[in-house]
Amino acid sequence: MLFADAIDEFIQAQSGVVGKITIDWYRKHLRPLAPLGAETLETVAVSHLRSVWAGLAGRTMRWENSNRPPKPGGLSPFTLDGYYRAWRTFFNWCVEQEYIARSPLKKLKRPRLPAMEPKAITESDLAKMLGAATRKRDYALLALMVVTGCRLGGAAGLRMRDVDLQTGRVWVTEKGRGGGKRRAVYVHGEALEALKDYLRERRREADDPVFVSKSGKPLTAVGVSQVIERIARRVGVTGRSNPHSIRHRFAREMLNNGCDLGALSQLMGHVDPGVTIRFYGRWADNELQEKAQRFAKLPDRDDDS
């Protein structure tokens, strides 16, 4: 089998397994392997991959300080890591299909990612935004995202049938296999009351969207982002304030308040708890110092000894 044909077959096999966005992501990240297309799949060796990798790595800016981003024009180490992950998935699929006995990528070392600063919105900025969300829809939307940590697409895609106002259980459909996976998140307290207050003014047919524009059309993911952006701009927030920073803050608050990693991973919609800790369990130096002072205590001295 030609290498190019194997890539085409892999892409076709993803239809109905992952969403269109993920398929497009695979296409993009497998594209640098196109010069190997005339090779047979069995003859593609790690030396071929290293040659392609060198070209990609040559366009990558080195991060001498992990807290400083790369200069404009260069690929970040995280972008480079995306290529590695796509290649790994492709070659592992080829092994599963028994087209090859072993992935040649196993001999290519995955790059080490630099540590990143936390990406959560600050408490003061979030408080300002909640205070500025004077429209019932805007406050209910923001409050729901704050207390559930749901993804942007999950909030945008809500329908009336997904919301149980009695229990506070809300079913969101987010990115995943087959284009989306459905999972429960939990709204409570003032956020639940805000959602009830907003929905009193809305039609309650099962297929009706929960969050709509002024014209009554469903808010898209872009629309939700614009709502959040407008609120942040209104109160002069200059730090992180996008929907993902709110999700990041949810994860960090849960960890800070003693939530165990297994439960948090499920609440975040992660299959692997390692993903949760890798992306959300990161702390700044001052936060680590505070945790050390809070949890690392000397026992009382035994004066009788």
C-alpha atoms as a PDB file:
ATOM      1  CA  MET A   1       0.000   0.000   0.000  1.00  0.00           C
ATOM      2  CA  LEU A   2       1.276   3.449  -0.904  1.00  0.00           C
ATOM      3  CA  PHE A   3       1.806   5.775   2.022  1.00  0.00           C
ATOM      4  CA  ALA A   4      -0.508   8.399   0.467  1.00  0.00           C
ATOM      5  CA  ASP A   5      -3.275   5.794   0.107  1.00  0.00           C
ATOM      6  CA  ALA A   6      -2.886   4.817   3.757  1.00  0.00           C
ATOM      7  CA  ILE A   7      -3.385   8.423   4.834  1.00  0.00           C
ATOM      8  CA  ASP A   8      -6.481   8.728   2.621  1.00  0.00           C
ATOM      9  CA  GLU A   9      -7.922   5.525   4.067  1.00  0.00           C
ATOM     10  CA  PHE A  10      -7.195   6.709   7.610  1.00  0.00           C
ATOM     11  CA  ILE A  11      -9.028   9.982   6.992  1.00  0.00           C
ATOM     12  CA  GLN A  12     -12.011   8.145   5.502  1.00  0.00           C
ATOM     13  CA  ALA A  13     -12.089   5.760   8.469  1.00  0.00           C
ATOM     14  CA  GLN A  14     -12.512   8.691  10.875  1.00  0.00           C
ATOM     15  CA  SER A  15     -15.873   9.667   9.375  1.00  0.00           C
ATOM     16  CA  GLY A  16     -18.553   8.898  11.947  1.00  0.00           C
ATOM     17  CA  VAL A  17     -15.900   8.240  14.587  1.00  0.00           C
ATOM     18  CA  VAL A  18     -14.715  11.790  15.237  1.00  0.00           C
ATOM     19  CA  GLY A  19     -16.188  15.148  14.285  1.00  0.00           C
ATOM     20  CA  LYS A  20     -15.423  17.197  11.162  1.00  0.00           C
ATOM     21  CA  ILE A  21     -13.211  19.610  13.082  1.00  0.00           C
ATOM     22  CA  THR A  22     -11.055  16.717  14.313  1.00  0.00           C
ATOM     23  CA  ILE A  23     -10.873  15.225  10.811  1.00  0.00           C
ATOM     24  CA  ASP A  24      -9.711  18.579   9.445  1.00  0.00           C
ATOM     25  CA  TRP A  25      -7.153  18.696  12.260  1.00  0.00           C
ATOM     26  CA  TYR A  26      -5.783  15.304  11.186  1.00  0.00           C
ATOM     27  CA  ARG A  27      -5.593  16.435   7.556  1.00  0.00           C
ATOM     28  CA  LYS A  28      -3.647  19.541   8.513  1.00  0.00           C
ATOM     29  CA  HIS A  29      -1.181  17.754  10.780  1.00  0.00           C
ATOM     30  CA  LEU A  30      -0.579  14.847   8.389  1.00  0.00           C
ATOM     31  CA  ARG A  31       0.037  17.182   5.445  1.00  0.00           C
ATOM     32  CA  PRO A  32       3.813  17.550   6.092  1.00  0.00           C
ATOM     33  CA  LEU A  33       4.108  13.794   5.448  1.00  0.00           C
ATOM     34  CA  ALA A  34       2.854  14.259   1.864  1.00  0.00           C
ATOM     35  CA  PRO A  35       6.398  14.056   0.341  1.00  0.00           C
ATOM     36  CA  LEU A  36       6.483  10.442   1.542  1.00  0.00           C
ATOM     37  CA  GLY A  37       3.346   9.631  -0.439  1.00  0.00           C
ATOM     38  CA  ALA A  38       5.118   7.605  -3.141  1.00  0.00           C
ATOM     39  CA  GLU A  39       6.779   5.372  -0.558  1.00  0.00           C
ATOM     40  CA  THR A  40       5.071   2.173   0.447  1.00  0.00           C
ATOM     41  CA  LEU A  41       3.692   2.160   3.955  1.00  0.00           C
ATOM     42  CA  GLU A  42       5.951  -0.743   4.915  1.00  0.00           C
ATOM     43  CA  THR A  43       9.135   1.058   3.814  1.00  0.00           C
ATOM     44  CA  VAL A  44       8.520   4.333   5.661  1.00  0.00           C
ATOM     45  CA  ALA A  45      11.160   4.332   8.388  1.00  0.00           C
ATOM     46  CA  VAL A  46      12.001   6.582  11.303  1.00  0.00           C
ATOM     47  CA  SER A  47      14.722   8.179   9.149  1.00  0.00           C
ATOM     48  CA  HIS A  48      11.994   9.505   6.822  1.00  0.00           C
ATOM     49  CA  LEU A  49      10.052  10.863   9.761  1.00  0.00           C
ATOM     50  CA  ARG A  50      13.131  12.495  11.274  1.00  0.00           C
ATOM     51  CA  SER A  51      13.751  14.308   7.993  1.00  0.00           C
ATOM     52  CA  VAL A  52      10.215  15.725   7.934  1.00  0.00           C
ATOM     53  CA  TRP A  53      10.383  16.467  11.662  1.00  0.00           C
ATOM     54  CA  ALA A  54      13.617  18.419  11.225  1.00  0.00           C
ATOM     55  CA  GLY A  55      11.853  20.686   8.765  1.00  0.00           C
ATOM     56  CA  LEU A  56       9.044  21.346  11.219  1.00  0.00           C
ATOM     57  CA  ALA A  57      11.375  21.766  14.191  1.00  0.00           C
ATOM     58  CA  GLY A  58      13.495  24.205  12.219  1.00  0.00           C
ATOM     59  CA  ARG A  59      10.516  26.517  12.057  1.00  0.00           C
ATOM     60  CA  THR A  60       9.979  26.269  15.816  1.00  0.00           C
ATOM     61  CA  MET A  61      11.156  29.034  18.131  1.00  0.00           C
ATOM     62  CA  ARG A  62      13.029  27.802  21.192  1.00  0.00           C
ATOM     63  CA  TRP A  63      11.489  28.845  24.516  1.00  0.00           C
ATOM     64  CA  GLU A  64      14.431  29.812  26.693  1.00  0.00           C
ATOM     65  CA  ASN A  65      12.038  31.093  29.356  1.00  0.00           C
ATOM     66  CA  SER A  66       8.910  28.961  29.760  1.00  0.00           C
ATOM     67  CA  ASN A  67       6.892  32.003  30.853  1.00  0.00           C
ATOM     68  CA  ARG A  68       7.580  33.918  27.636  1.00  0.00           C
ATOM     69  CA  PRO A  69       5.794  33.042  24.382  1.00  0.00           C
ATOM     70  CA  PRO A  70       7.695  32.458  21.121  1.00  0.00           C
ATOM     71  CA  LYS A  71       8.332  35.357  18.810  1.00  0.00           C
ATOM     72  CA  PRO A  72       5.733  35.976  16.069  1.00  0.00           C
ATOM     73  CA  GLY A  73       6.106  33.717  13.060  1.00  0.00           C
ATOM     74  CA  GLY A  74       7.440  30.666  14.829  1.00  0.00           C
ATOM     75  CA  LEU A  75       5.599  27.491  15.764  1.00  0.00           C
ATOM     76  CA  SER A  76       5.226  27.026  19.496  1.00  0.00           C
ATOM     77  CA  PRO A  77       6.325  23.734  21.061  1.00  0.00           C
ATOM     78  CA  PHE A  78       2.639  23.023  21.651  1.00  0.00           C
ATOM     79  CA  THR A  79       1.892  23.324  17.930  1.00  0.00           C
ATOM     80  CA  LEU A  80       4.800  21.017  17.157  1.00  0.00           C
ATOM     81  CA  ASP A  81       3.451  18.545  19.699  1.00  0.00           C
ATOM     82  CA  GLY A  82       0.152  18.547  17.787  1.00  0.00           C
ATOM     83  CA  TYR A  83       1.944  17.151  14.731  1.00  0.00           C
ATOM     84  CA  TYR A  84       3.476  14.399  16.837  1.00  0.00           C
ATOM     85  CA  ARG A  85       0.098  13.410  18.304  1.00  0.00           C
ATOM     86  CA  ALA A  86      -1.559  13.277  14.871  1.00  0.00           C
ATOM     87  CA  TRP A  87       1.258  11.136  13.465  1.00  0.00           C
ATOM     88  CA  ARG A  88       1.058   8.822  16.460  1.00  0.00           C
ATOM     89  CA  THR A  89      -2.677   8.305  15.983  1.00  0.00           C
ATOM     90  CA  PHE A  90      -2.198   7.579  12.284  1.00  0.00           C
ATOM     91  CA  PHE A  91       0.599   5.042  12.729  1.00  0.00           C
ATOM     92  CA  ASN A  92      -1.158   3.354  15.650  1.00  0.00           C
ATOM     93  CA  TRP A  93      -4.212   2.988  13.409  1.00  0.00           C
ATOM     94  CA  CYS A  94      -2.028   1.399  10.716  1.00  0.00           C
ATOM     95  CA  VAL A  95      -0.779  -1.120  13.288  1.00  0.00           C
ATOM     96  CA  GLU A  96      -4.359  -1.853  14.418  1.00  0.00           C
ATOM     97  CA  GLN A  97      -5.321  -2.491  10.794  1.00  0.00           C
ATOM     98  CA  GLU A  98      -2.309  -4.834  10.530  1.00  0.00           C
ATOM     99  CA  TYR A  99      -0.883  -2.830   7.632  1.00  0.00           C
ATOM    100  CA  ILE A 100       2.426  -2.599   9.508  1.00  0.00           C
ATOM    101  CA  ALA A 101       3.776  -4.567  12.444  1.00  0.00           C
ATOM    102  CA  ARG A 102       5.198  -1.623  14.394  1.00  0.00           C
ATOM    103  CA  SER A 103       4.907   2.156  14.326  1.00  0.00           C
ATOM    104  CA  PRO A 104       8.118   3.823  13.078  1.00  0.00           C
ATOM    105  CA  LEU A 105       7.215   6.816  15.237  1.00  0.00           C
ATOM    106  CA  LYS A 106       8.138   4.875  18.381  1.00  0.00           C
ATOM    107  CA  LYS A 107      11.790   5.632  17.645  1.00  0.00           C
ATOM    108  CA  LEU A 108      11.139   9.378  17.292  1.00  0.00           C
ATOM    109  CA  LYS A 109      11.236  11.046  20.691  1.00  0.00           C
ATOM    110  CA  ARG A 110       8.281  13.226  21.564  1.00  0.00           C
ATOM    111  CA  PRO A 111       9.317  16.803  22.379  1.00  0.00           C
ATOM    112  CA  ARG A 112       9.164  17.934  25.977  1.00  0.00           C
ATOM    113  CA  LEU A 113       6.690  20.749  26.512  1.00  0.00           C
ATOM    114  CA  PRO A 114       7.666  23.759  28.617  1.00  0.00           C
ATOM    115  CA  ALA A 115       5.672  24.532  31.747  1.00  0.00           C
ATOM    116  CA  MET A 116       2.898  27.061  31.244  1.00  0.00           C
ATOM    117  CA  GLU A 117       1.468  29.641  33.561  1.00  0.00           C
ATOM    118  CA  PRO A 118      -2.146  29.068  34.699  1.00  0.00           C
ATOM    119  CA  LYS A 119      -4.756  30.321  32.235  1.00  0.00           C
ATOM    120  CA  ALA A 120      -7.680  30.930  34.570  1.00  0.00           C
ATOM    121  CA  ILE A 121      -9.557  34.202  34.775  1.00  0.00           C
ATOM    122  CA  THR A 122      -8.780  36.087  37.994  1.00  0.00           C
ATOM    123  CA  GLU A 123     -11.362  36.217  40.765  1.00  0.00           C
ATOM    124  CA  SER A 124     -11.522  40.016  40.647  1.00  0.00           C
ATOM    125  CA  ASP A 125     -12.120  40.099  36.891  1.00  0.00           C
ATOM    126  CA  LEU A 126     -14.775  37.402  37.144  1.00  0.00           C
ATOM    127  CA  ALA A 127     -16.533  39.295  39.923  1.00  0.00           C
ATOM    128  CA  LYS A 128     -16.576  42.435  37.763  1.00  0.00           C
ATOM    129  CA  MET A 129     -18.032  40.515  34.841  1.00  0.00           C
ATOM    130  CA  LEU A 130     -20.761  38.916  36.946  1.00  0.00           C
ATOM    131  CA  GLY A 131     -21.673  42.369  38.243  1.00  0.00           C
ATOM    132  CA  ALA A 132     -21.812  43.768  34.710  1.00  0.00           C
ATOM    133  CA  ALA A 133     -23.994  40.957  33.322  1.00  0.00           C
ATOM    134  CA  THR A 134     -27.253  42.850  33.837  1.00  0.00           C
ATOM    135  CA  ARG A 135     -29.303  41.049  31.174  1.00  0.00           C
ATOM    136  CA  LYS A 136     -30.961  37.932  32.557  1.00  0.00           C
ATOM    137  CA  ARG A 137     -29.694  35.872  29.626  1.00  0.00           C
ATOM    138  CA  ASP A 138     -26.117  37.080  30.010  1.00  0.00           C
ATOM    139  CA  TYR A 139     -26.000  36.482  33.747  1.00  0.00           C
ATOM    140  CA  ALA A 140     -27.575  33.021  33.447  1.00  0.00           C
ATOM    141  CA  LEU A 141     -25.148  32.086  30.670  1.00  0.00           C
ATOM    142  CA  LEU A 142     -22.081  33.325  32.520  1.00  0.00           C
ATOM    143  CA  ALA A 143     -23.175  31.799  35.833  1.00  0.00           C
ATOM    144  CA  LEU A 144     -23.846  28.428  34.185  1.00  0.00           C
ATOM    145  CA  MET A 145     -20.348  28.358  32.678  1.00  0.00           C
ATOM    146  CA  VAL A 146     -18.767  29.397  35.986  1.00  0.00           C
ATOM    147  CA  VAL A 147     -20.375  26.681  38.135  1.00  0.00           C
ATOM    148  CA  THR A 148     -20.223  23.827  35.591  1.00  0.00           C
ATOM    149  CA  GLY A 149     -16.982  24.403  33.706  1.00  0.00           C
ATOM    150  CA  CYS A 150     -18.770  23.325  30.518  1.00  0.00           C
ATOM    151  CA  ARG A 151     -17.156  23.936  27.165  1.00  0.00           C
ATOM    152  CA  LEU A 152     -18.197  26.754  24.885  1.00  0.00           C
ATOM    153  CA  GLY A 153     -19.987  24.411  22.469  1.00  0.00           C
ATOM    154  CA  GLY A 154     -21.848  22.747  25.319  1.00  0.00           C
ATOM    155  CA  ALA A 155     -23.366  26.025  26.477  1.00  0.00           C
ATOM    156  CA  ALA A 156     -24.227  27.129  22.938  1.00  0.00           C
ATOM    157  CA  GLY A 157     -25.923  23.861  22.006  1.00  0.00           C
ATOM    158  CA  LEU A 158     -28.307  23.609  24.966  1.00  0.00           C
ATOM    159  CA  ARG A 159     -31.965  22.872  24.260  1.00  0.00           C
ATOM    160  CA  MET A 160     -34.861  23.060  26.704  1.00  0.00           C
ATOM    161  CA  ARG A 161     -35.046  19.266  26.888  1.00  0.00           C
ATOM    162  CA  ASP A 162     -31.473  19.253  28.207  1.00  0.00           C
ATOM    163  CA  VAL A 163     -32.307  21.241  31.341  1.00  0.00           C
ATOM    164  CA  ASP A 164     -33.883  19.833  34.507  1.00  0.00           C
ATOM    165  CA  LEU A 165     -34.662  22.852  36.655  1.00  0.00           C
ATOM    166  CA  GLN A 166     -35.778  20.679  39.557  1.00  0.00           C
ATOM    167  CA  THR A 167     -32.488  18.828  40.044  1.00  0.00           C
ATOM    168  CA  GLY A 168     -30.130  21.276  38.375  1.00  0.00           C
ATOM    169  CA  ARG A 169     -28.861  18.555  36.050  1.00  0.00           C
ATOM    170  CA  VAL A 170     -28.039  19.901  32.595  1.00  0.00           C
ATOM    171  CA  TRP A 171     -27.033  17.707  29.657  1.00  0.00           C
ATOM    172  CA  VAL A 172     -24.426  19.262  27.394  1.00  0.00           C
ATOM    173  CA  THR A 173     -23.234  17.900  24.066  1.00  0.00           C
ATOM    174  CA  GLU A 174     -19.583  18.677  23.510  1.00  0.00           C
ATOM    175  CA  LYS A 175     -16.735  17.660  21.231  1.00  0.00           C
ATOM    176  CA  GLY A 176     -15.986  13.959  21.055  1.00  0.00           C
ATOM    177  CA  ARG A 177     -16.329  10.823  19.002  1.00  0.00           C
ATOM    178  CA  GLY A 178     -18.944  11.015  16.279  1.00  0.00           C
ATOM    179  CA  GLY A 179     -18.960  14.814  16.491  1.00  0.00           C
ATOM    180  CA  GLY A 180     -20.175  15.128  20.070  1.00  0.00           C
ATOM    181  CA  LYS A 181     -20.618  13.367  23.378  1.00  0.00           C
ATOM    182  CA  ARG A 182     -23.460  14.007  25.796  1.00  0.00           C
ATOM    183  CA  ARG A 183     -22.731  14.343  29.495  1.00  0.00           C
ATOM    184  CA  ALA A 184     -24.288  15.811  32.619  1.00  0.00           C
ATOM    185  CA  VAL A 185     -23.147  18.959  34.394  1.00  0.00           C
ATOM    186  CA  TYR A 186     -24.710  20.354  37.542  1.00  0.00           C
ATOM    187  CA  VAL A 187     -26.077  23.842  38.111  1.00  0.00           C
ATOM    188  CA  HIS A 188     -26.827  24.901  41.660  1.00  0.00           C
ATOM    189  CA  GLY A 189     -27.349  27.804  44.029  1.00  0.00           C
ATOM    190  CA  GLU A 190     -27.584  31.295  42.608  1.00  0.00           C
ATOM    191  CA  ALA A 191     -26.658  30.053  39.127  1.00  0.00           C
ATOM    192  CA  LEU A 192     -29.667  27.720  39.080  1.00  0.00           C
ATOM    193  CA  GLU A 193     -31.945  30.515  40.296  1.00  0.00           C
ATOM    194  CA  ALA A 194     -30.595  32.786  37.536  1.00  0.00           C
ATOM    195  CA  LEU A 195     -31.310  30.100  34.930  1.00  0.00           C
ATOM    196  CA  LYS A 196     -34.855  29.626  36.246  1.00  0.00           C
ATOM    197  CA  ASP A 197     -35.433  33.394  36.227  1.00  0.00           C
ATOM    198  CA  TYR A 198     -34.231  33.682  32.633  1.00  0.00           C
ATOM    199  CA  LEU A 199     -36.251  30.716  31.382  1.00  0.00           C
ATOM    200  CA  ARG A 200     -39.501  32.092  32.828  1.00  0.00           C
ATOM    201  CA  GLU A 201     -39.440  34.544  29.929  1.00  0.00           C
ATOM    202  CA  ARG A 202     -38.751  31.896  27.306  1.00  0.00           C
ATOM    203  CA  ARG A 203     -40.795  29.411  25.309  1.00  0.00           C
ATOM    204  CA  ARG A 204     -40.468  25.982  26.812  1.00  0.00           C
ATOM    205  CA  GLU A 205     -40.788  23.621  23.852  1.00  0.00           C
ATOM    206  CA  ALA A 206     -38.315  20.734  24.093  1.00  0.00           C
ATOM    207  CA  ASP A 207     -36.420  21.608  20.905  1.00  0.00           C
ATOM    208  CA  ASP A 208     -36.158  25.327  21.658  1.00  0.00           C
ATOM    209  CA  PRO A 209     -32.638  26.620  22.281  1.00  0.00           C
ATOM    210  CA  VAL A 210     -31.915  27.804  25.809  1.00  0.00           C
ATOM    211  CA  PHE A 211     -29.790  30.820  24.891  1.00  0.00           C
ATOM    212  CA  VAL A 212     -30.994  33.006  22.037  1.00  0.00           C
ATOM    213  CA  SER A 213     -30.112  36.327  20.445  1.00  0.00           C
ATOM    214  CA  LYS A 214     -32.349  39.412  20.584  1.00  0.00           C
ATOM    215  CA  SER A 215     -33.962  38.244  17.342  1.00  0.00           C
ATOM    216  CA  GLY A 216     -34.745  34.856  18.886  1.00  0.00           C
ATOM    217  CA  LYS A 217     -32.150  32.880  16.940  1.00  0.00           C
ATOM    218  CA  PRO A 218     -30.006  30.300  18.797  1.00  0.00           C
ATOM    219  CA  LEU A 219     -26.730  31.655  20.109  1.00  0.00           C
ATOM    220  CA  THR A 220     -23.860  29.947  18.303  1.00  0.00           C
ATOM    221  CA  ALA A 221     -20.490  29.238  19.900  1.00  0.00           C
ATOM    222  CA  VAL A 222     -19.263  32.465  18.301  1.00  0.00           C
ATOM    223  CA  GLY A 223     -22.279  34.276  19.733  1.00  0.00           C
ATOM    224  CA  VAL A 224     -21.561  32.990  23.246  1.00  0.00           C
ATOM    225  CA  SER A 225     -17.943  34.142  22.928  1.00  0.00           C
ATOM    226  CA  GLN A 226     -19.128  37.569  21.834  1.00  0.00           C
ATOM    227  CA  VAL A 227     -21.439  37.846  24.836  1.00  0.00           C
ATOM    228  CA  ILE A 228     -18.543  37.046  27.185  1.00  0.00           C
ATOM    229  CA  GLU A 229     -16.235  39.416  25.315  1.00  0.00           C
ATOM    230  CA  ARG A 230     -18.700  42.313  25.482  1.00  0.00           C
ATOM    231  CA  ILE A 231     -19.178  41.887  29.228  1.00  0.00           C
ATOM    232  CA  ALA A 232     -15.415  41.822  29.783  1.00  0.00           C
ATOM    233  CA  ARG A 233     -14.897  44.889  27.618  1.00  0.00           C
ATOM    234  CA  ARG A 234     -17.661  46.762  29.456  1.00  0.00           C
ATOM    235  CA  VAL A 235     -15.793  46.550  32.770  1.00  0.00           C
ATOM    236  CA  GLY A 236     -12.309  47.009  31.316  1.00  0.00           C
ATOM    237  CA  VAL A 237     -10.995  43.490  31.848  1.00  0.00           C
ATOM    238  CA  THR A 238      -7.607  43.225  30.134  1.00  0.00           C
ATOM    239  CA  GLY A 239      -6.535  39.793  31.390  1.00  0.00           C
ATOM    240  CA  ARG A 240      -7.850  36.403  30.324  1.00  0.00           C
ATOM    241  CA  SER A 241     -11.623  36.399  30.111  1.00  0.00           C
ATOM    242  CA  ASN A 242     -12.555  34.006  27.305  1.00  0.00           C
ATOM    243  CA  PRO A 243     -14.800  30.971  27.900  1.00  0.00           C
ATOM    244  CA  HIS A 244     -11.822  28.639  28.284  1.00  0.00           C
ATOM    245  CA  SER A 245     -10.352  30.810  31.060  1.00  0.00           C
ATOM    246  CA  ILE A 246     -13.665  30.401  32.913  1.00  0.00           C
ATOM    247  CA  ARG A 247     -13.485  26.636  32.438  1.00  0.00           C
ATOM    248  CA  HIS A 248      -9.882  26.702  33.643  1.00  0.00           C
ATOM    249  CA  ARG A 249     -10.920  28.633  36.739  1.00  0.00           C
ATOM    250  CA  PHE A 250     -13.629  26.042  37.477  1.00  0.00           C
ATOM    251  CA  ALA A 251     -11.059  23.232  37.463  1.00  0.00           C
ATOM    252  CA  ARG A 252      -8.632  25.115  39.675  1.00  0.00           C
ATOM    253  CA  GLU A 253     -11.329  26.075  42.167  1.00  0.00           C
ATOM    254  CA  MET A 254     -12.476  22.471  42.405  1.00  0.00           C
ATOM    255  CA  LEU A 255      -8.901  21.316  43.071  1.00  0.00           C
ATOM    256  CA  ASN A 256      -8.337  24.118  45.590  1.00  0.00           C
ATOM    257  CA  ASN A 257     -11.476  23.161  47.476  1.00  0.00           C
ATOM    258  CA  GLY A 258     -10.510  19.504  47.801  1.00  0.00           C
ATOM    259  CA  CYS A 259     -12.322  17.842  44.888  1.00  0.00           C
ATOM    260  CA  ASP A 260     -10.640  14.538  44.061  1.00  0.00           C
ATOM    261  CA  LEU A 261      -9.046  14.186  40.641  1.00  0.00           C
ATOM    262  CA  GLY A 262     -11.339  11.359  39.499  1.00  0.00           C
ATOM    263  CA  ALA A 263     -14.520  13.354  40.129  1.00  0.00           C
ATOM    264  CA  LEU A 264     -13.065  16.495  38.564  1.00  0.00           C
ATOM    265  CA  SER A 265     -12.027  14.582  35.465  1.00  0.00           C
ATOM    266  CA  GLN A 266     -15.621  13.394  35.005  1.00  0.00           C
ATOM    267  CA  LEU A 267     -17.017  16.868  35.648  1.00  0.00           C
ATOM    268  CA  MET A 268     -14.663  18.264  33.010  1.00  0.00           C
ATOM    269  CA  GLY A 269     -15.681  15.607  30.482  1.00  0.00           C
ATOM    270  CA  HIS A 270     -12.219  14.022  30.282  1.00  0.00           C
ATOM    271  CA  VAL A 271     -11.760  10.316  29.651  1.00  0.00           C
ATOM    272  CA  ASP A 272      -8.253  10.355  31.125  1.00  0.00           C
ATOM    273  CA  PRO A 273      -7.594  12.073  34.501  1.00  0.00           C
ATOM    274  CA  GLY A 274      -4.063  12.675  33.252  1.00  0.00           C
ATOM    275  CA  VAL A 275      -5.486  15.216  30.803  1.00  0.00           C
ATOM    276  CA  THR A 276      -7.126  17.070  33.689  1.00  0.00           C
ATOM    277  CA  ILE A 277      -3.970  17.388  35.731  1.00  0.00           C
ATOM    278  CA  ARG A 278      -1.797  18.143  32.705  1.00  0.00           C
ATOM    279  CA  PHE A 279      -3.810  21.102  31.484  1.00  0.00           C
ATOM    280  CA  TYR A 280      -5.493  22.422  34.620  1.00  0.00           C
ATOM    281  CA  GLY A 281      -3.355  21.334  37.574  1.00  0.00           C
ATOM    282  CA  ARG A 282      -0.719  24.020  37.016  1.00  0.00           C
ATOM    283  CA  TRP A 283       0.125  26.577  39.669  1.00  0.00           C
ATOM    284  CA  ALA A 284       2.116  29.792  39.749  1.00  0.00           C
ATOM    285  CA  ASP A 285       5.067  30.077  42.152  1.00  0.00           C
ATOM    286  CA  ASN A 286       3.164  32.159  44.705  1.00  0.00           C
ATOM    287  CA  GLU A 287       0.292  29.640  44.645  1.00  0.00           C
ATOM    288  CA  LEU A 288       2.671  26.743  45.252  1.00  0.00           C
ATOM    289  CA  GLN A 289       4.208  28.640  48.164  1.00  0.00           C
ATOM    290  CA  GLU A 290       0.768  29.224  49.690  1.00  0.00           C
ATOM    291  CA  LYS A 291      -0.087  25.531  49.330  1.00  0.00           C
ATOM    292  CA  ALA A 292       3.201  24.467  50.910  1.00  0.00           C
ATOM    293  CA  GLN A 293       2.581  26.768  53.874  1.00  0.00           C
ATOM    294  CA  ARG A 294      -0.978  25.522  54.257  1.00  0.00           C
ATOM    295  CA  PHE A 295      -0.403  21.789  53.960  1.00  0.00           C
ATOM    296  CA  ALA A 296       3.227  21.083  54.915  1.00  0.00           C
ATOM    297  CA  LYS A 297       3.115  21.465  58.717  1.00  0.00           C
ATOM    298  CA  LEU A 298       5.616  20.439  61.362  1.00  0.00           C
ATOM    299  CA  PRO A 299       4.069  18.152  64.021  1.00  0.00           C
ATOM    300  CA  ASP A 300       4.037  19.369  67.599  1.00  0.00           C
ATOM    301  CA  ARG A 301       7.317  18.739  69.369  1.00  0.00           C
ATOM    302  CA  ASP A 302       7.428  16.073  72.005  1.00  0.00           C
ATOM    303  CA  ASP A 303       8.925  17.964  74.939  1.00  0.00           C
ATOM    304  CA  ASP A 304       9.151  14.803  77.058  1.00  0.00           C
ATOM    305  CA  SER A 305      11.862  13.270  74.886  1.00  0.00           C
END
